[in-house]
């Protein structure tokens, strides 16, 4: 099958939008989570999965302004 890139991108956008909207409470807690990770970095560094968790939190924090803008300007709000 042939799919246009626009339709795939739009589907992915809608999927991400639904996930983020349903988990919007997470965004209010991200700053606290990030602060805790930074404060306890030396203790947590040796725990299995620390790098992955830290990376995901940073990705969410980087995406937060974009997602908030989408939620505010969205017609589905």
PDB file of N, CA and C in Angstrom:
ATOM      1  N   UNK A   1       0.829  -1.188   0.000  1.00  0.00           N
ATOM      2  CA  UNK A   1       0.000   0.000   0.000  1.00  0.00           C
ATOM      3  C   UNK A   1       0.869   1.245   0.000  1.00  0.00           C
ATOM      4  N   UNK A   2       0.320   2.267  -0.561  1.00  0.00           N
ATOM      5  CA  UNK A   2       1.013   3.553  -0.609  1.00  0.00           C
ATOM      6  C   UNK A   2       0.285   4.541   0.291  1.00  0.00           C
ATOM      7  N   UNK A   3       1.013   5.137   1.195  1.00  0.00           N
ATOM      8  CA  UNK A   3       0.445   6.148   2.084  1.00  0.00           C
ATOM      9  C   UNK A   3       1.194   7.449   1.879  1.00  0.00           C
ATOM     10  N   UNK A   4       0.471   8.526   1.870  1.00  0.00           N
ATOM     11  CA  UNK A   4       1.130   9.823   1.771  1.00  0.00           C
ATOM     12  C   UNK A   4       1.747  10.172   3.112  1.00  0.00           C
ATOM     13  N   UNK A   5       2.882  10.806   3.051  1.00  0.00           N
ATOM     14  CA  UNK A   5       3.589  11.188   4.271  1.00  0.00           C
ATOM     15  C   UNK A   5       2.732  12.101   5.139  1.00  0.00           C
ATOM     16  N   UNK A   6       1.962  12.982   4.527  1.00  0.00           N
ATOM     17  CA  UNK A   6       1.110  13.892   5.299  1.00  0.00           C
ATOM     18  C   UNK A   6       0.095  13.136   6.136  1.00  0.00           C
ATOM     19  N   UNK A   7      -0.504  12.097   5.570  1.00  0.00           N
ATOM     20  CA  UNK A   7      -1.519  11.357   6.322  1.00  0.00           C
ATOM     21  C   UNK A   7      -0.888  10.580   7.472  1.00  0.00           C
ATOM     22  N   UNK A   8       0.302  10.064   7.269  1.00  0.00           N
ATOM     23  CA  UNK A   8       1.001   9.350   8.338  1.00  0.00           C
ATOM     24  C   UNK A   8       1.394  10.329   9.444  1.00  0.00           C
ATOM     25  N   UNK A   9       1.914  11.476   9.053  1.00  0.00           N
ATOM     26  CA  UNK A   9       2.301  12.488  10.040  1.00  0.00           C
ATOM     27  C   UNK A   9       1.081  12.973  10.817  1.00  0.00           C
ATOM     28  N   UNK A  10      -0.035  13.163  10.129  1.00  0.00           N
ATOM     29  CA  UNK A  10      -1.253  13.622  10.794  1.00  0.00           C
ATOM     30  C   UNK A  10      -1.767  12.563  11.766  1.00  0.00           C
ATOM     31  N   UNK A  11      -1.728  11.304  11.358  1.00  0.00           N
ATOM     32  CA  UNK A  11      -2.148  10.216  12.241  1.00  0.00           C
ATOM     33  C   UNK A  11      -1.267  10.190  13.485  1.00  0.00           C
ATOM     34  N   UNK A  12       0.043  10.296  13.300  1.00  0.00           N
ATOM     35  CA  UNK A  12       0.969  10.296  14.437  1.00  0.00           C
ATOM     36  C   UNK A  12       0.727  11.494  15.345  1.00  0.00           C
ATOM     37  N   UNK A  13       0.443  12.651  14.736  1.00  0.00           N
ATOM     38  CA  UNK A  13       0.135  13.843  15.524  1.00  0.00           C
ATOM     39  C   UNK A  13      -1.108  13.610  16.376  1.00  0.00           C
ATOM     40  N   UNK A  14      -2.178  13.084  15.771  1.00  0.00           N
ATOM     41  CA  UNK A  14      -3.411  12.841  16.519  1.00  0.00           C
ATOM     42  C   UNK A  14      -3.199  11.826  17.632  1.00  0.00           C
ATOM     43  N   UNK A  15      -2.430  10.794  17.344  1.00  0.00           N
ATOM     44  CA  UNK A  15      -2.144   9.768  18.348  1.00  0.00           C
ATOM     45  C   UNK A  15      -1.388  10.385  19.527  1.00  0.00           C
ATOM     46  N   UNK A  16      -0.355  11.150  19.236  1.00  0.00           N
ATOM     47  CA  UNK A  16       0.417  11.811  20.291  1.00  0.00           C
ATOM     48  C   UNK A  16      -0.455  12.808  21.048  1.00  0.00           C
ATOM     49  N   UNK A  17      -1.276  13.541  20.313  1.00  0.00           N
ATOM     50  CA  UNK A  17      -2.161  14.525  20.938  1.00  0.00           C
ATOM     51  C   UNK A  17      -3.088  13.857  21.948  1.00  0.00           C
ATOM     52  N   UNK A  18      -3.678  12.738  21.585  1.00  0.00           N
ATOM     53  CA  UNK A  18      -4.581  12.021  22.497  1.00  0.00           C
ATOM     54  C   UNK A  18      -3.841  11.529  23.739  1.00  0.00           C
ATOM     55  N   UNK A  19      -2.649  11.017  23.537  1.00  0.00           N
ATOM     56  CA  UNK A  19      -1.853  10.533  24.671  1.00  0.00           C
ATOM     57  C   UNK A  19      -1.523  11.684  25.612  1.00  0.00           C
ATOM     58  N   UNK A  20      -1.044  12.769  25.049  1.00  0.00           N
ATOM     59  CA  UNK A  20      -0.639  13.914  25.869  1.00  0.00           C
ATOM     60  C   UNK A  20      -1.836  14.525  26.573  1.00  0.00           C
ATOM     61  N   UNK A  21      -2.940  14.669  25.862  1.00  0.00           N
ATOM     62  CA  UNK A  21      -4.125  15.266  26.472  1.00  0.00           C
ATOM     63  C   UNK A  21      -4.631  14.404  27.624  1.00  0.00           C
ATOM     64  N   UNK A  22      -4.598  13.093  27.446  1.00  0.00           N
ATOM     65  CA  UNK A  22      -5.074  12.209  28.511  1.00  0.00           C
ATOM     66  C   UNK A  22      -4.100  12.150  29.682  1.00  0.00           C
ATOM     67  N   UNK A  23      -2.859  12.475  29.435  1.00  0.00           N
ATOM     68  CA  UNK A  23      -1.851  12.452  30.499  1.00  0.00           C
ATOM     69  C   UNK A  23      -1.345  13.849  30.826  1.00  0.00           C
ATOM     70  N   UNK A  24      -2.195  14.847  30.684  1.00  0.00           N
ATOM     71  CA  UNK A  24      -1.742  16.225  30.890  1.00  0.00           C
ATOM     72  C   UNK A  24      -1.279  16.480  32.321  1.00  0.00           C
ATOM     73  N   UNK A  25      -1.753  15.679  33.259  1.00  0.00           N
ATOM     74  CA  UNK A  25      -1.305  15.816  34.644  1.00  0.00           C
ATOM     75  C   UNK A  25       0.195  15.570  34.752  1.00  0.00           C
ATOM     76  N   UNK A  26       0.710  14.727  33.885  1.00  0.00           N
ATOM     77  CA  UNK A  26       2.140  14.433  33.893  1.00  0.00           C
ATOM     78  C   UNK A  26       2.962  15.699  33.682  1.00  0.00           C
ATOM     79  N   UNK A  27       2.496  16.578  32.804  1.00  0.00           N
ATOM     80  CA  UNK A  27       3.245  17.795  32.517  1.00  0.00           C
ATOM     81  C   UNK A  27       3.362  18.693  33.740  1.00  0.00           C
ATOM     82  N   UNK A  28       2.372  18.672  34.601  1.00  0.00           N
ATOM     83  CA  UNK A  28       2.452  19.500  35.803  1.00  0.00           C
ATOM     84  C   UNK A  28       3.462  18.943  36.797  1.00  0.00           C
ATOM     85  N   UNK A  29       3.771  17.671  36.670  1.00  0.00           N
ATOM     86  CA  UNK A  29       4.701  17.038  37.608  1.00  0.00           C
ATOM     87  C   UNK A  29       6.115  16.905  37.049  1.00  0.00           C
ATOM     88  N   UNK A  30       6.302  17.185  35.773  1.00  0.00           N
ATOM     89  CA  UNK A  30       7.608  16.975  35.145  1.00  0.00           C
ATOM     90  C   UNK A  30       8.726  17.784  35.782  1.00  0.00           C
ATOM     91  N   UNK A  31       8.461  19.025  36.095  1.00  0.00           N
ATOM     92  CA  UNK A  31       9.509  19.855  36.694  1.00  0.00           C
ATOM     93  C   UNK A  31       9.964  19.288  38.032  1.00  0.00           C
ATOM     94  N   UNK A  32       9.021  18.815  38.831  1.00  0.00           N
ATOM     95  CA  UNK A  32       9.370  18.218  40.127  1.00  0.00           C
ATOM     96  C   UNK A  32      10.158  16.926  39.931  1.00  0.00           C
ATOM     97  N   UNK A  33       9.734  16.125  38.968  1.00  0.00           N
ATOM     98  CA  UNK A  33      10.440  14.870  38.676  1.00  0.00           C
ATOM     99  C   UNK A  33      11.869  15.168  38.237  1.00  0.00           C
ATOM    100  N   UNK A  34      12.014  16.125  37.346  1.00  0.00           N
ATOM    101  CA  UNK A  34      13.338  16.495  36.848  1.00  0.00           C
ATOM    102  C   UNK A  34      14.230  17.012  37.971  1.00  0.00           C
ATOM    103  N   UNK A  35      13.671  17.820  38.856  1.00  0.00           N
ATOM    104  CA  UNK A  35      14.444  18.345  39.988  1.00  0.00           C
ATOM    105  C   UNK A  35      14.910  17.223  40.912  1.00  0.00           C
ATOM    106  N   UNK A  36      14.022  16.272  41.173  1.00  0.00           N
ATOM    107  CA  UNK A  36      14.403  15.132  42.023  1.00  0.00           C
ATOM    108  C   UNK A  36      15.508  14.309  41.388  1.00  0.00           C
ATOM    109  N   UNK A  37      15.402  14.094  40.091  1.00  0.00           N
ATOM    110  CA  UNK A  37      16.429  13.319  39.389  1.00  0.00           C
ATOM    111  C   UNK A  37      17.771  14.028  39.483  1.00  0.00           C
ATOM    112  N   UNK A  38      17.772  15.346  39.259  1.00  0.00           N
ATOM    113  CA  UNK A  38      19.025  16.104  39.349  1.00  0.00           C
ATOM    114  C   UNK A  38      19.588  16.094  40.762  1.00  0.00           C
ATOM    115  N   UNK A  39      18.723  16.206  41.767  1.00  0.00           N
ATOM    116  CA  UNK A  39      19.176  16.247  43.159  1.00  0.00           C
ATOM    117  C   UNK A  39      19.770  14.916  43.610  1.00  0.00           C
ATOM    118  N   UNK A  40      19.220  13.826  43.116  1.00  0.00           N
ATOM    119  CA  UNK A  40      19.668  12.497  43.545  1.00  0.00           C
ATOM    120  C   UNK A  40      20.460  11.776  42.463  1.00  0.00           C
ATOM    121  N   UNK A  41      21.065  12.543  41.579  1.00  0.00           N
ATOM    122  CA  UNK A  41      21.760  11.958  40.438  1.00  0.00           C
ATOM    123  C   UNK A  41      22.808  10.922  40.841  1.00  0.00           C
ATOM    124  N   UNK A  42      23.615  11.226  41.843  1.00  0.00           N
ATOM    125  CA  UNK A  42      24.684  10.300  42.222  1.00  0.00           C
ATOM    126  C   UNK A  42      24.118   8.987  42.756  1.00  0.00           C
ATOM    127  N   UNK A  43      23.007   9.055  43.480  1.00  0.00           N
ATOM    128  CA  UNK A  43      22.387   7.831  43.999  1.00  0.00           C
ATOM    129  C   UNK A  43      21.716   7.029  42.886  1.00  0.00           C
ATOM    130  N   UNK A  44      21.057   7.730  41.989  1.00  0.00           N
ATOM    131  CA  UNK A  44      20.259   7.067  40.957  1.00  0.00           C
ATOM    132  C   UNK A  44      21.079   6.554  39.786  1.00  0.00           C
ATOM    133  N   UNK A  45      22.271   7.117  39.603  1.00  0.00           N
ATOM    134  CA  UNK A  45      23.082   6.789  38.436  1.00  0.00           C
ATOM    135  C   UNK A  45      23.359   5.290  38.309  1.00  0.00           C
ATOM    136  N   UNK A  46      23.495   4.618  39.420  1.00  0.00           N
ATOM    137  CA  UNK A  46      23.824   3.195  39.394  1.00  0.00           C
ATOM    138  C   UNK A  46      22.600   2.296  39.216  1.00  0.00           C
ATOM    139  N   UNK A  47      21.422   2.866  39.295  1.00  0.00           N
ATOM    140  CA  UNK A  47      20.199   2.067  39.162  1.00  0.00           C
ATOM    141  C   UNK A  47      19.951   1.749  37.692  1.00  0.00           C
ATOM    142  N   UNK A  48      19.564   0.512  37.437  1.00  0.00           N
ATOM    143  CA  UNK A  48      19.270   0.077  36.082  1.00  0.00           C
ATOM    144  C   UNK A  48      18.117   0.897  35.503  1.00  0.00           C
ATOM    145  N   UNK A  49      18.312   1.474  34.335  1.00  0.00           N
ATOM    146  CA  UNK A  49      17.275   2.244  33.669  1.00  0.00           C
ATOM    147  C   UNK A  49      17.332   3.734  33.923  1.00  0.00           C
ATOM    148  N   UNK A  50      18.291   4.186  34.726  1.00  0.00           N
ATOM    149  CA  UNK A  50      18.383   5.619  35.052  1.00  0.00           C
ATOM    150  C   UNK A  50      18.546   6.477  33.801  1.00  0.00           C
ATOM    151  N   UNK A  51      19.442   6.070  32.934  1.00  0.00           N
ATOM    152  CA  UNK A  51      19.706   6.873  31.730  1.00  0.00           C
ATOM    153  C   UNK A  51      18.463   7.000  30.856  1.00  0.00           C
ATOM    154  N   UNK A  52      17.739   5.906  30.709  1.00  0.00           N
ATOM    155  CA  UNK A  52      16.534   5.923  29.877  1.00  0.00           C
ATOM    156  C   UNK A  52      15.475   6.841  30.491  1.00  0.00           C
ATOM    157  N   UNK A  53      15.264   6.718  31.788  1.00  0.00           N
ATOM    158  CA  UNK A  53      14.271   7.554  32.470  1.00  0.00           C
ATOM    159  C   UNK A  53      14.664   9.023  32.375  1.00  0.00           C
ATOM    160  N   UNK A  54      15.916   9.313  32.640  1.00  0.00           N
ATOM    161  CA  UNK A  54      16.399  10.692  32.565  1.00  0.00           C
ATOM    162  C   UNK A  54      16.233  11.250  31.153  1.00  0.00           C
ATOM    163  N   UNK A  55      16.541  10.444  30.161  1.00  0.00           N
ATOM    164  CA  UNK A  55      16.406  10.867  28.765  1.00  0.00           C
ATOM    165  C   UNK A  55      14.949  11.166  28.426  1.00  0.00           C
ATOM    166  N   UNK A  56      14.036  10.307  28.861  1.00  0.00           N
ATOM    167  CA  UNK A  56      12.604  10.502  28.574  1.00  0.00           C
ATOM    168  C   UNK A  56      12.057  11.746  29.265  1.00  0.00           C
ATOM    169  N   UNK A  57      12.471  11.984  30.489  1.00  0.00           N
ATOM    170  CA  UNK A  57      12.019  13.188  31.198  1.00  0.00           C
ATOM    171  C   UNK A  57      12.503  14.430  30.459  1.00  0.00           C
ATOM    172  N   UNK A  58      13.755  14.422  30.017  1.00  0.00           N
ATOM    173  CA  UNK A  58      14.284  15.562  29.265  1.00  0.00           C
ATOM    174  C   UNK A  58      13.530  15.754  27.952  1.00  0.00           C
ATOM    175  N   UNK A  59      13.186  14.653  27.278  1.00  0.00           N
ATOM    176  CA  UNK A  59      12.425  14.759  26.036  1.00  0.00           C
ATOM    177  C   UNK A  59      11.055  15.377  26.286  1.00  0.00           C
ATOM    178  N   UNK A  60      10.390  14.940  27.345  1.00  0.00           N
ATOM    179  CA  UNK A  60       9.090  15.517  27.685  1.00  0.00           C
ATOM    180  C   UNK A  60       9.222  17.000  28.009  1.00  0.00           C
ATOM    181  N   UNK A  61      10.251  17.363  28.759  1.00  0.00           N
ATOM    182  CA  UNK A  61      10.441  18.774  29.101  1.00  0.00           C
ATOM    183  C   UNK A  61      10.710  19.617  27.859  1.00  0.00           C
ATOM    184  N   UNK A  62      11.464  19.071  26.915  1.00  0.00           N
ATOM    185  CA  UNK A  62      11.729  19.794  25.671  1.00  0.00           C
ATOM    186  C   UNK A  62      10.466  19.937  24.828  1.00  0.00           C
ATOM    187  N   UNK A  63       9.606  18.940  24.880  1.00  0.00           N
ATOM    188  CA  UNK A  63       8.377  18.957  24.082  1.00  0.00           C
ATOM    189  C   UNK A  63       7.244  19.718  24.760  1.00  0.00           C
ATOM    190  N   UNK A  64       7.377  19.964  26.030  1.00  0.00           N
ATOM    191  CA  UNK A  64       6.290  20.579  26.803  1.00  0.00           C
ATOM    192  C   UNK A  64       5.772  21.884  26.192  1.00  0.00           C
ATOM    193  N   UNK A  65       6.626  22.854  25.842  1.00  0.00           N
ATOM    194  CA  UNK A  65       6.101  24.099  25.262  1.00  0.00           C
ATOM    195  C   UNK A  65       5.348  23.880  23.950  1.00  0.00           C
ATOM    196  N   UNK A  66       5.842  22.986  23.134  1.00  0.00           N
ATOM    197  CA  UNK A  66       5.196  22.701  21.854  1.00  0.00           C
ATOM    198  C   UNK A  66       3.829  22.073  22.076  1.00  0.00           C
ATOM    199  N   UNK A  67       3.773  21.104  22.963  1.00  0.00           N
ATOM    200  CA  UNK A  67       2.517  20.412  23.238  1.00  0.00           C
ATOM    201  C   UNK A  67       1.507  21.357  23.873  1.00  0.00           C
ATOM    202  N   UNK A  68       1.952  22.198  24.791  1.00  0.00           N
ATOM    203  CA  UNK A  68       1.043  23.167  25.407  1.00  0.00           C
ATOM    204  C   UNK A  68       0.470  24.111  24.362  1.00  0.00           C
ATOM    205  N   UNK A  69       1.310  24.536  23.435  1.00  0.00           N
ATOM    206  CA  UNK A  69       0.839  25.413  22.361  1.00  0.00           C
ATOM    207  C   UNK A  69      -0.193  24.689  21.500  1.00  0.00           C
ATOM    208  N   UNK A  70       0.055  23.429  21.201  1.00  0.00           N
ATOM    209  CA  UNK A  70      -0.903  22.649  20.413  1.00  0.00           C
ATOM    210  C   UNK A  70      -2.219  22.480  21.150  1.00  0.00           C
ATOM    211  N   UNK A  71      -2.143  22.213  22.441  1.00  0.00           N
ATOM    212  CA  UNK A  71      -3.362  22.030  23.222  1.00  0.00           C
ATOM    213  C   UNK A  71      -4.166  23.322  23.297  1.00  0.00           C
ATOM    214  N   UNK A  72      -3.481  24.445  23.424  1.00  0.00           N
ATOM    215  CA  UNK A  72      -4.168  25.732  23.523  1.00  0.00           C
ATOM    216  C   UNK A  72      -4.819  26.103  22.193  1.00  0.00           C
ATOM    217  N   UNK A  73      -4.084  25.903  21.110  1.00  0.00           N
ATOM    218  CA  UNK A  73      -4.589  26.327  19.806  1.00  0.00           C
ATOM    219  C   UNK A  73      -5.435  25.269  19.107  1.00  0.00           C
ATOM    220  N   UNK A  74      -5.572  24.122  19.722  1.00  0.00           N
ATOM    221  CA  UNK A  74      -6.248  23.010  19.067  1.00  0.00           C
ATOM    222  C   UNK A  74      -7.756  23.196  19.037  1.00  0.00           C
ATOM    223  N   UNK A  75      -8.353  22.752  17.960  1.00  0.00           N
ATOM    224  CA  UNK A  75      -9.810  22.795  17.852  1.00  0.00           C
ATOM    225  C   UNK A  75     -10.465  21.692  18.662  1.00  0.00           C
ATOM    226  N   UNK A  76      -9.692  20.687  19.103  1.00  0.00           N
ATOM    227  CA  UNK A  76     -10.246  19.571  19.871  1.00  0.00           C
ATOM    228  C   UNK A  76     -10.242  19.855  21.357  1.00  0.00           C
ATOM    229  N   UNK A  77      -9.749  20.992  21.759  1.00  0.00           N
ATOM    230  CA  UNK A  77      -9.627  21.334  23.169  1.00  0.00           C
ATOM    231  C   UNK A  77     -10.967  21.422  23.847  1.00  0.00           C
TER     232      UNK A  77
END
